[in-house]
C-alpha atoms as a PDB file:
ATOM      1  CA  LYS A   1      91.369-147.038 154.697  1.00  0.00           C
ATOM      2  CA  ASP A   2      93.232-147.409 158.005  1.00  0.00           C
ATOM      3  CA  GLN A   3      96.540-146.844 156.302  1.00  0.00           C
ATOM      4  CA  GLY A   4      95.916-143.722 154.704  1.00  0.00           C
ATOM      5  CA  LEU A   5      94.836-145.657 151.347  1.00  0.00           C
ATOM      6  CA  ILE A   6      92.113-145.727 148.533  1.00  0.00           C
ATOM      7  CA  SER A   7      91.686-148.391 146.517  1.00  0.00           C
ATOM      8  CA  ASP A   8      92.668-148.344 143.129  1.00  0.00           C
ATOM      9  CA  GLN A   9      88.846-149.348 141.970  1.00  0.00           C
ATOM     10  CA  PRO A  10      86.999-147.119 144.599  1.00  0.00           C
ATOM     11  CA  THR A  11      83.196-147.985 145.373  1.00  0.00           C
ATOM     12  CA  MET A  12      81.320-145.161 144.050  1.00  0.00           C
ATOM     13  CA  LEU A  13      77.868-143.993 144.207  1.00  0.00           C
ATOM     14  CA  ALA A  14      75.920-141.210 141.071  1.00  0.00           C
ATOM     15  CA  SER A  15      73.331-139.093 141.043  1.00  0.00           C
ATOM     16  CA  ILE A  16      71.929-136.681 138.824  1.00  0.00           C
ATOM     17  CA  PRO A  17      69.614-135.061 141.685  1.00  0.00           C
ATOM     18  CA  SER A  18      68.475-132.168 138.664  1.00  0.00           C
ATOM     19  CA  ALA A  19      67.202-135.248 136.197  1.00  0.00           C
ATOM     20  CA  LEU A  20      64.538-135.235 138.606  1.00  0.00           C
ATOM     21  CA  ASP A  21      64.218-132.059 139.890  1.00  0.00           C
ATOM     22  CA  PRO A  22      64.813-129.048 137.521  1.00  0.00           C
ATOM     23  CA  GLU A  23      65.326-126.688 140.807  1.00  0.00           C
ATOM     24  CA  MET A  24      68.445-128.237 141.316  1.00  0.00           C
ATOM     25  CA  LYS A  25      69.897-127.469 138.035  1.00  0.00           C
ATOM     26  CA  ALA A  26      73.082-124.949 137.734  1.00  0.00           C
ATOM     27  CA  ASP A  27      72.514-121.348 136.764  1.00  0.00           C
ATOM     28  CA  ASN A  28      73.454-122.070 133.252  1.00  0.00           C
ATOM     29  CA  GLY A  29      70.376-124.288 132.779  1.00  0.00           C
ATOM     30  CA  LEU A  30      72.945-127.762 133.012  1.00  0.00           C
ATOM     31  CA  HIS A  31      72.431-130.948 135.059  1.00  0.00           C
ATOM     32  CA  THR A  32      74.106-131.176 138.493  1.00  0.00           C
ATOM     33  CA  PHE A  33      76.218-134.722 139.010  1.00  0.00           C
ATOM     34  CA  GLY A  34      77.166-135.694 142.278  1.00  0.00           C
ATOM     35  CA  LEU A  35      80.034-138.602 142.609  1.00  0.00           C
ATOM     36  CA  GLU A  36      80.199-140.051 146.117  1.00  0.00           C
ATOM     37  CA  VAL A  37      83.587-142.298 146.968  1.00  0.00           C
ATOM     38  CA  LEU A  38      82.987-144.620 149.897  1.00  0.00           C
ATOM     39  CA  PHE A  39      85.416-145.829 152.728  1.00  0.00           C
ATOM     40  CA  THR A  40      87.454-142.937 151.957  1.00  0.00           C
ATOM     41  CA  PRO A  41      90.175-142.219 154.980  1.00  0.00           C
ATOM     42  CA  TYR A  42      89.850-139.294 157.069  1.00  0.00           C
ATOM     43  CA  SER A  43      94.151-138.837 156.757  1.00  0.00           C
ATOM     44  CA  LEU A  44      94.701-139.414 153.321  1.00  0.00           C
ATOM     45  CA  ASN A  45      98.546-140.669 152.814  1.00  0.00           C
ATOM     46  CA  GLY A  46      99.912-136.766 151.610  1.00  0.00           C
ATOM     47  CA  GLY A  47      96.801-135.073 152.681  1.00  0.00           C
ATOM     48  CA  TRP A  48      93.731-134.274 151.080  1.00  0.00           C
ATOM     49  CA  LYS A  49      94.730-130.566 149.845  1.00  0.00           C
ATOM     50  CA  GLY A  50      96.296-130.779 146.456  1.00  0.00           C
ATOM     51  CA  SER A  51      95.114-134.506 145.992  1.00  0.00           C
ATOM     52  CA  GLN A  52      94.444-135.711 142.493  1.00  0.00           C
ATOM     53  CA  GLN A  53      92.353-138.419 144.154  1.00  0.00           C
ATOM     54  CA  PRO A  54      89.146-136.487 143.421  1.00  0.00           C
ATOM     55  CA  ASP A  55      90.441-136.124 139.503  1.00  0.00           C
ATOM     56  CA  ARG A  56      91.463-139.812 139.255  1.00  0.00           C
ATOM     57  CA  TRP A  57      87.814-140.589 140.545  1.00  0.00           C
ATOM     58  CA  LEU A  58      86.135-138.665 137.570  1.00  0.00           C
ATOM     59  CA  ASP A  59      88.467-140.065 135.504  1.00  0.00           C
ATOM     60  CA  ILE A  60      87.251-143.716 136.809  1.00  0.00           C
ATOM     61  CA  TRP A  61      83.660-142.876 136.232  1.00  0.00           C
ATOM     62  CA  GLY A  62      84.134-141.694 132.864  1.00  0.00           C
ATOM     63  CA  ASN A  63      85.720-144.646 131.824  1.00  0.00           C
ATOM     64  CA  VAL A  64      82.606-146.298 132.813  1.00  0.00           C
ATOM     65  CA  MET A  65      79.914-143.593 131.158  1.00  0.00           C
ATOM     66  CA  ASP A  66      79.477-143.950 127.076  1.00  0.00           C
ATOM     67  CA  GLY A  67      81.039-140.597 125.140  1.00  0.00           C
ATOM     68  CA  ASP A  68      83.283-138.136 126.579  1.00  0.00           C
ATOM     69  CA  PHE A  69      81.843-138.134 129.996  1.00  0.00           C
ATOM     70  CA  ARG A  70      84.800-135.585 131.453  1.00  0.00           C
ATOM     71  CA  SER A  71      84.544-132.822 128.749  1.00  0.00           C
ATOM     72  CA  GLN A  72      80.825-132.516 129.804  1.00  0.00           C
ATOM     73  CA  ILE A  73      81.669-131.292 132.727  1.00  0.00           C
ATOM     74  CA  THR A  74      82.045-127.791 133.445  1.00  0.00           C
ATOM     75  CA  LYS A  75      82.786-127.074 137.034  1.00  0.00           C
ATOM     76  CA  TRP A  76      83.197-129.261 139.764  1.00  0.00           C
ATOM     77  CA  ARG A  77      84.626-129.204 143.527  1.00  0.00           C
ATOM     78  CA  ALA A  78      85.453-131.941 146.252  1.00  0.00           C
ATOM     79  CA  MET A  79      84.091-132.748 149.086  1.00  0.00           C
ATOM     80  CA  THR A  80      86.775-134.491 151.300  1.00  0.00           C
ATOM     81  CA  PRO A  81      86.152-135.896 154.655  1.00  0.00           C
ATOM     82  CA  ASP A  82      88.398-132.795 156.280  1.00  0.00           C
ATOM     83  CA  ILE A  83      85.474-130.546 154.306  1.00  0.00           C
ATOM     84  CA  TYR A  84      82.497-132.153 155.730  1.00  0.00           C
ATOM     85  CA  GLU A  85      84.558-132.165 159.062  1.00  0.00           C
ATOM     86  CA  ARG A  86      84.601-128.502 159.116  1.00  0.00           C
ATOM     87  CA  ASP A  87      81.665-127.278 156.980  1.00  0.00           C
ATOM     88  CA  PHE A  88      78.820-129.514 158.508  1.00  0.00           C
ATOM     89  CA  PHE A  89      80.565-130.417 161.859  1.00  0.00           C
ATOM     90  CA  MET A  90      80.683-134.374 160.785  1.00  0.00           C
ATOM     91  CA  PRO A  91      83.096-135.942 162.672  1.00  0.00           C
ATOM     92  CA  LYS A  92      85.833-137.414 160.703  1.00  0.00           C
ATOM     93  CA  GLY A  93      83.604-136.292 157.768  1.00  0.00           C
ATOM     94  CA  HIS A  94      81.758-139.815 158.797  1.00  0.00           C
ATOM     95  CA  SER A  95      78.388-138.705 157.493  1.00  0.00           C
ATOM     96  CA  PRO A  96      76.506-141.573 159.272  1.00  0.00           C
ATOM     97  CA  GLY A  97      77.399-140.450 162.854  1.00  0.00           C
ATOM     98  CA  TYR A  98      77.757-142.311 166.042  1.00  0.00           C
ATOM     99  CA  ALA A  99      74.116-143.908 164.957  1.00  0.00           C
ATOM    100  CA  ALA A 100      75.666-146.052 162.394  1.00  0.00           C
ATOM    101  CA  SER A 101      78.989-146.415 163.452  1.00  0.00           C
ATOM    102  CA  PRO A 102      80.394-150.014 164.925  1.00  0.00           C
ATOM    103  CA  LEU A 103      80.546-148.477 168.686  1.00  0.00           C
ATOM    104  CA  ALA A 104      77.187-148.362 168.261  1.00  0.00           C
ATOM    105  CA  THR A 105      76.185-151.631 167.280  1.00  0.00           C
ATOM    106  CA  LEU A 106      78.263-152.520 170.749  1.00  0.00           C
ATOM    107  CA  VAL A 107      76.808-150.144 172.800  1.00  0.00           C
ATOM    108  CA  GLY A 108      73.404-149.484 171.225  1.00  0.00           C
ATOM    109  CA  ARG A 109      71.336-146.385 171.946  1.00  0.00           C
ATOM    110  CA  SER A 110      68.460-145.657 174.089  1.00  0.00           C
ATOM    111  CA  ARG A 111      65.074-146.252 173.047  1.00  0.00           C
ATOM    112  CA  GLU A 112      63.964-142.413 172.953  1.00  0.00           C
ATOM    113  CA  LEU A 113      67.435-141.827 170.412  1.00  0.00           C
ATOM    114  CA  SER A 114      66.282-144.964 168.038  1.00  0.00           C
ATOM    115  CA  ARG A 115      62.622-143.694 166.924  1.00  0.00           C
ATOM    116  CA  TYR A 116      61.456-140.660 164.682  1.00  0.00           C
ATOM    117  CA  LYS A 117      59.376-139.038 167.670  1.00  0.00           C
ATOM    118  CA  THR A 118      61.203-138.310 171.174  1.00  0.00           C
ATOM    119  CA  PRO A 119      59.588-138.028 174.710  1.00  0.00           C
ATOM    120  CA  ILE A 120      59.779-134.267 174.437  1.00  0.00           C
ATOM    121  CA  LYS A 121      56.608-133.385 172.881  1.00  0.00           C
ATOM    122  CA  GLY A 122      56.647-131.752 169.557  1.00  0.00           C
ATOM    123  CA  LEU A 123      60.453-132.861 168.845  1.00  0.00           C
ATOM    124  CA  TYR A 124      61.220-135.321 166.511  1.00  0.00           C
ATOM    125  CA  LEU A 125      64.380-137.064 165.032  1.00  0.00           C
ATOM    126  CA  THR A 126      65.786-137.715 161.387  1.00  0.00           C
ATOM    127  CA  GLY A 127      68.945-137.738 159.327  1.00  0.00           C
ATOM    128  CA  ALA A 128      71.436-140.656 158.997  1.00  0.00           C
ATOM    129  CA  GLY A 129      71.346-141.137 162.499  1.00  0.00           C
ATOM    130  CA  THR A 130      67.423-142.358 161.870  1.00  0.00           C
ATOM    131  CA  PHE A 131      66.451-145.342 160.086  1.00  0.00           C
ATOM    132  CA  PRO A 132      67.080-146.176 157.240  1.00  0.00           C
ATOM    133  CA  GLY A 133      70.291-144.256 157.705  1.00  0.00           C
ATOM    134  CA  ALA A 134      72.834-142.321 155.607  1.00  0.00           C
ATOM    135  CA  GLY A 135      72.713-143.400 151.905  1.00  0.00           C
ATOM    136  CA  ILE A 136      69.036-143.570 151.268  1.00  0.00           C
ATOM    137  CA  PHE A 137      68.806-139.787 150.219  1.00  0.00           C
ATOM    138  CA  GLY A 138      65.358-138.113 151.566  1.00  0.00           C
ATOM    139  CA  ALA A 139      64.287-141.372 153.022  1.00  0.00           C
ATOM    140  CA  PRO A 140      64.585-140.596 157.284  1.00  0.00           C
ATOM    141  CA  GLY A 141      63.296-136.976 156.539  1.00  0.00           C
ATOM    142  CA  THR A 142      60.270-138.718 154.595  1.00  0.00           C
ATOM    143  CA  ASN A 143      59.650-141.290 157.684  1.00  0.00           C
ATOM    144  CA  THR A 144      59.816-138.733 159.854  1.00  0.00           C
ATOM    145  CA  ALA A 145      57.374-136.359 158.415  1.00  0.00           C
ATOM    146  CA  LYS A 146      54.950-139.610 158.460  1.00  0.00           C
ATOM    147  CA  THR A 147      55.306-139.804 161.367  1.00  0.00           C
ATOM    148  CA  VAL A 148      54.730-136.218 162.267  1.00  0.00           C
ATOM    149  CA  LEU A 149      51.126-135.792 159.875  1.00  0.00           C
ATOM    150  CA  LYS A 150      50.525-139.190 162.191  1.00  0.00           C
ATOM    151  CA  SER A 151      50.616-137.374 165.336  1.00  0.00           C
ATOM    152  CA  ILE A 152      48.906-134.111 164.270  1.00  0.00           C
ATOM    153  CA  SER A 153      46.012-136.004 162.749  1.00  0.00           C
ATOM    154  CA  SER A 154      45.733-138.224 166.067  1.00  0.00           C
ATOM    155  CA  SER A 155      45.626-134.756 168.155  1.00  0.00           C
END
């Protein structure tokens, strides 16, 4: 990763959110498929623009699946670290952010920033920086919502 390279066999996470939530289907009624490739470098050798890496990842995933996976994909886009940084304000395209970085492990976080409920009345935290962190989609929000409901019912 530090050398601007990607593994020949990268670690991938796949999801089909529309299988559980039909509202997430595309306008044409087809399913939505997400493929996240972990440990990608921010600065890819040769740059991300025009890179064939995302296409290669679909081929790798397709080789794992039964049938002709690639022919089932009618439209796709790649979200690379530079796009995450630009569009979602994630430094270096790193979704866990500071809270899950190696620096945070050494420095730690203040108690106020490590809980869902903050010292500011009515202000709660959620997202990749809260437990259980990035990669367990929806869990931080669910945990925060439970904390909010508990606060409301006890007041």
